[in-house]
Every structure is written in C-alpha cells, then in structure tokens.
N, C-alpha and C. Protein backbone atom coordinates (compact mmCIF):
# COMPACT_ATOMS: atom_id res chain seq x y z
N MET A 1 207.17 63.66 261.47
CA MET A 1 208.54 63.45 261.08
C MET A 1 209.25 62.64 262.17
N CYS A 2 210.08 61.70 261.75
CA CYS A 2 210.88 60.90 262.68
C CYS A 2 212.35 61.07 262.37
N LEU A 3 213.16 61.03 263.40
CA LEU A 3 214.61 61.08 263.27
C LEU A 3 215.17 59.83 263.94
N ILE A 4 215.87 59.02 263.15
CA ILE A 4 216.53 57.84 263.67
C ILE A 4 218.01 58.17 263.76
N TYR A 5 218.61 57.94 264.91
CA TYR A 5 220.03 58.26 265.10
C TYR A 5 220.76 57.03 265.62
N ASP A 6 221.96 56.84 265.08
CA ASP A 6 222.80 55.75 265.58
C ASP A 6 224.26 56.20 265.49
N ASP A 7 225.14 55.51 266.20
CA ASP A 7 226.54 55.89 266.17
C ASP A 7 227.21 55.50 264.86
N MET A 8 226.76 54.38 264.24
CA MET A 8 227.37 53.99 262.97
C MET A 8 226.35 53.23 262.13
N VAL A 9 226.54 53.31 260.82
CA VAL A 9 225.73 52.51 259.91
C VAL A 9 226.70 51.60 259.17
N ASP A 10 226.58 50.31 259.43
CA ASP A 10 227.45 49.34 258.78
C ASP A 10 226.72 48.77 257.56
N THR A 11 225.88 47.77 257.73
CA THR A 11 225.15 47.21 256.60
C THR A 11 223.77 47.84 256.42
N ALA A 12 223.35 48.67 257.36
CA ALA A 12 222.08 49.43 257.35
C ALA A 12 220.85 48.57 257.60
N GLY A 13 221.02 47.30 257.93
CA GLY A 13 219.87 46.45 258.21
C GLY A 13 219.05 46.94 259.39
N SER A 14 219.70 47.31 260.47
CA SER A 14 218.99 47.80 261.66
C SER A 14 218.24 49.10 261.37
N MET A 15 218.85 49.96 260.57
CA MET A 15 218.23 51.25 260.26
C MET A 15 216.97 51.07 259.40
N VAL A 16 217.04 50.20 258.43
CA VAL A 16 215.89 49.92 257.57
C VAL A 16 214.79 49.25 258.38
N ASN A 17 215.17 48.31 259.26
CA ASN A 17 214.18 47.66 260.12
C ASN A 17 213.54 48.65 261.08
N ALA A 18 214.30 49.59 261.61
CA ALA A 18 213.75 50.61 262.51
C ALA A 18 212.73 51.47 261.78
N ARG A 19 213.05 51.84 260.54
CA ARG A 19 212.12 52.64 259.74
C ARG A 19 210.81 51.88 259.53
N GLU A 20 210.92 50.62 259.17
CA GLU A 20 209.72 49.80 258.94
C GLU A 20 208.89 49.65 260.21
N ALA A 21 209.55 49.46 261.35
CA ALA A 21 208.83 49.32 262.62
C ALA A 21 208.08 50.61 262.96
N LEU A 22 208.70 51.75 262.71
CA LEU A 22 208.03 53.02 262.98
C LEU A 22 206.82 53.19 262.07
N LEU A 23 206.95 52.84 260.80
CA LEU A 23 205.82 52.93 259.87
C LEU A 23 204.68 52.03 260.33
N GLN A 24 205.00 50.83 260.77
CA GLN A 24 203.98 49.89 261.23
C GLN A 24 203.24 50.40 262.47
N GLN A 25 203.90 51.24 263.24
CA GLN A 25 203.28 51.81 264.44
C GLN A 25 202.57 53.14 264.16
N GLY A 26 202.50 53.52 262.88
CA GLY A 26 201.73 54.70 262.52
C GLY A 26 202.53 55.97 262.28
N ALA A 27 203.84 55.87 262.25
CA ALA A 27 204.66 57.06 262.00
C ALA A 27 204.44 57.56 260.58
N LYS A 28 204.64 58.84 260.40
CA LYS A 28 204.57 59.44 259.07
C LYS A 28 205.74 58.94 258.24
N ASP A 29 205.59 58.99 256.94
CA ASP A 29 206.61 58.48 256.02
C ASP A 29 207.87 59.34 255.99
N GLU A 30 207.80 60.59 256.42
CA GLU A 30 208.95 61.49 256.38
C GLU A 30 209.91 61.16 257.52
N MET A 31 210.98 60.44 257.18
CA MET A 31 211.96 60.03 258.20
C MET A 31 213.36 60.38 257.76
N TYR A 32 214.16 60.74 258.73
CA TYR A 32 215.56 61.08 258.52
C TYR A 32 216.41 60.10 259.30
N LEU A 33 217.57 59.78 258.74
CA LEU A 33 218.53 58.93 259.42
C LEU A 33 219.80 59.74 259.63
N CYS A 34 220.31 59.75 260.85
CA CYS A 34 221.56 60.43 261.18
C CYS A 34 222.50 59.42 261.84
N ALA A 35 223.77 59.52 261.47
CA ALA A 35 224.76 58.62 262.07
C ALA A 35 226.11 59.32 262.10
N THR A 36 226.89 58.96 263.09
CA THR A 36 228.22 59.54 263.21
C THR A 36 229.20 58.93 262.22
N HIS A 37 229.22 57.60 262.13
CA HIS A 37 230.22 56.92 261.30
C HIS A 37 229.57 56.17 260.14
N PRO A 38 229.78 56.62 258.92
CA PRO A 38 229.20 55.96 257.74
C PRO A 38 230.09 54.83 257.23
N ILE A 39 230.01 53.68 257.85
CA ILE A 39 230.84 52.55 257.44
C ILE A 39 230.39 52.03 256.07
N PHE A 40 229.09 51.88 255.88
CA PHE A 40 228.49 51.51 254.60
C PHE A 40 229.14 50.28 253.97
N SER A 41 229.06 49.15 254.62
CA SER A 41 229.63 47.92 254.06
C SER A 41 228.52 47.04 253.49
N GLY A 42 228.93 46.06 252.70
CA GLY A 42 228.00 45.08 252.13
C GLY A 42 226.84 45.74 251.41
N PRO A 43 225.60 45.39 251.80
CA PRO A 43 224.41 45.89 251.10
C PRO A 43 223.92 47.26 251.56
N ALA A 44 224.71 47.98 252.32
CA ALA A 44 224.24 49.24 252.92
C ALA A 44 223.72 50.24 251.89
N ILE A 45 224.46 50.46 250.83
CA ILE A 45 224.05 51.48 249.86
C ILE A 45 222.75 51.09 249.18
N GLU A 46 222.63 49.85 248.80
CA GLU A 46 221.38 49.38 248.18
C GLU A 46 220.21 49.53 249.15
N ARG A 47 220.42 49.15 250.39
CA ARG A 47 219.35 49.26 251.40
C ARG A 47 218.95 50.70 251.64
N LEU A 48 219.94 51.57 251.83
CA LEU A 48 219.64 52.97 252.13
C LEU A 48 219.02 53.68 250.93
N SER A 49 219.48 53.36 249.75
CA SER A 49 218.93 53.97 248.54
C SER A 49 217.46 53.64 248.35
N GLY A 50 217.08 52.43 248.74
CA GLY A 50 215.71 52.00 248.54
C GLY A 50 214.81 52.10 249.75
N ALA A 51 215.34 52.56 250.86
CA ALA A 51 214.57 52.56 252.11
C ALA A 51 213.52 53.65 252.19
N GLY A 52 213.73 54.75 251.48
CA GLY A 52 212.74 55.83 251.52
C GLY A 52 213.00 56.90 252.56
N PHE A 53 214.22 56.98 253.10
CA PHE A 53 214.54 58.07 254.02
C PHE A 53 214.52 59.39 253.25
N LYS A 54 214.00 60.41 253.88
CA LYS A 54 214.00 61.74 253.25
C LYS A 54 215.44 62.21 253.06
N GLU A 55 216.28 61.95 254.07
CA GLU A 55 217.69 62.31 253.99
C GLU A 55 218.47 61.40 254.94
N VAL A 56 219.69 61.06 254.53
CA VAL A 56 220.62 60.31 255.37
C VAL A 56 221.79 61.24 255.65
N ILE A 57 221.94 61.64 256.91
CA ILE A 57 222.93 62.63 257.30
C ILE A 57 224.01 61.94 258.13
N VAL A 58 225.25 62.06 257.68
CA VAL A 58 226.37 61.42 258.36
C VAL A 58 227.51 62.42 258.52
N SER A 59 228.41 62.13 259.45
CA SER A 59 229.57 62.99 259.63
C SER A 59 230.66 62.60 258.63
N ASP A 60 231.69 63.42 258.58
CA ASP A 60 232.84 63.12 257.72
C ASP A 60 233.95 62.43 258.52
N SER A 61 233.57 61.67 259.54
CA SER A 61 234.55 60.93 260.34
C SER A 61 235.22 59.83 259.51
N MET A 62 234.58 59.46 258.42
CA MET A 62 235.13 58.47 257.49
C MET A 62 234.87 58.97 256.07
N PRO A 63 235.81 58.79 255.17
CA PRO A 63 235.56 59.20 253.79
C PRO A 63 234.51 58.29 253.14
N ILE A 64 233.72 58.86 252.25
CA ILE A 64 232.74 58.08 251.50
C ILE A 64 233.13 58.15 250.03
N SER A 65 233.48 57.01 249.47
CA SER A 65 233.89 56.97 248.06
C SER A 65 232.70 57.33 247.17
N LYS A 66 233.00 57.75 245.96
CA LYS A 66 231.95 58.13 245.01
C LYS A 66 230.98 56.98 244.76
N GLU A 67 231.49 55.74 244.78
CA GLU A 67 230.64 54.57 244.55
C GLU A 67 229.61 54.37 245.66
N LYS A 68 229.89 54.92 246.83
CA LYS A 68 228.98 54.74 247.96
C LYS A 68 228.09 55.96 248.21
N GLN A 69 228.13 56.94 247.36
CA GLN A 69 227.27 58.10 247.50
C GLN A 69 225.96 57.85 246.76
N PHE A 70 224.87 58.37 247.29
CA PHE A 70 223.56 58.15 246.71
C PHE A 70 222.68 59.36 246.95
N LYS A 71 221.59 59.42 246.22
CA LYS A 71 220.65 60.54 246.35
C LYS A 71 220.09 60.57 247.77
N GLY A 72 220.11 61.74 248.38
CA GLY A 72 219.61 61.89 249.74
C GLY A 72 220.68 61.81 250.80
N LEU A 73 221.92 61.51 250.41
CA LEU A 73 223.01 61.44 251.38
C LEU A 73 223.61 62.83 251.58
N LYS A 74 223.78 63.20 252.82
CA LYS A 74 224.41 64.49 253.16
C LYS A 74 225.49 64.22 254.19
N GLN A 75 226.70 64.65 253.88
CA GLN A 75 227.82 64.47 254.81
C GLN A 75 228.19 65.82 255.38
N VAL A 76 228.27 65.91 256.71
CA VAL A 76 228.58 67.17 257.40
C VAL A 76 229.90 67.03 258.13
N SER A 77 230.58 68.14 258.26
CA SER A 77 231.91 68.17 258.89
C SER A 77 231.80 68.11 260.41
N ILE A 78 232.76 67.40 261.02
CA ILE A 78 232.82 67.37 262.48
C ILE A 78 233.86 68.38 262.99
N ALA A 79 234.45 69.13 262.07
CA ALA A 79 235.43 70.15 262.46
C ALA A 79 234.72 71.31 263.17
N PRO A 80 235.46 72.04 264.01
CA PRO A 80 234.82 73.16 264.71
C PRO A 80 234.36 74.25 263.74
C-alpha cells in the first residue's frame, strides 16, 4: 500500500503522475491520496476519477460542490 500526500490538489496532474511513477517502480496498485486543500480545478475530477486511487482523502478546508464529488472521495473535518 502507498500513501501519497500533498498540501493541495489543483489539476491533479502531479498526483496522477506520482501514482504512475510508483507503479512503474513496482508499487502495489492499492494507493491512497491525501491532501489538505481540495482545489480540484480544470481536469482534476476526471483525472482523479480515472486514476485508480483506492481512496482520495481531503480536508474540509474548502467546500466541494456536488459536481466535483466522485466515487472514492472522502472529506474529513479539520475541526477539533
């Protein structure tokens, strides 16, 4: 299992490329993506939906509209 973490996901290009690089180096297919700020602009939703992450976990530091929600997305609270 691999966990990729970043402070923000904007277009998700770096995250998808990181996943592919790990697979090429022999990582198992079960990968999780975690990020603090789900900006999700441009092609991000399409990329993340098709990338094959087991789960994409983000904080609620930014609202995520219904149009930007997808299977495997989990938003967690940053409140105490």
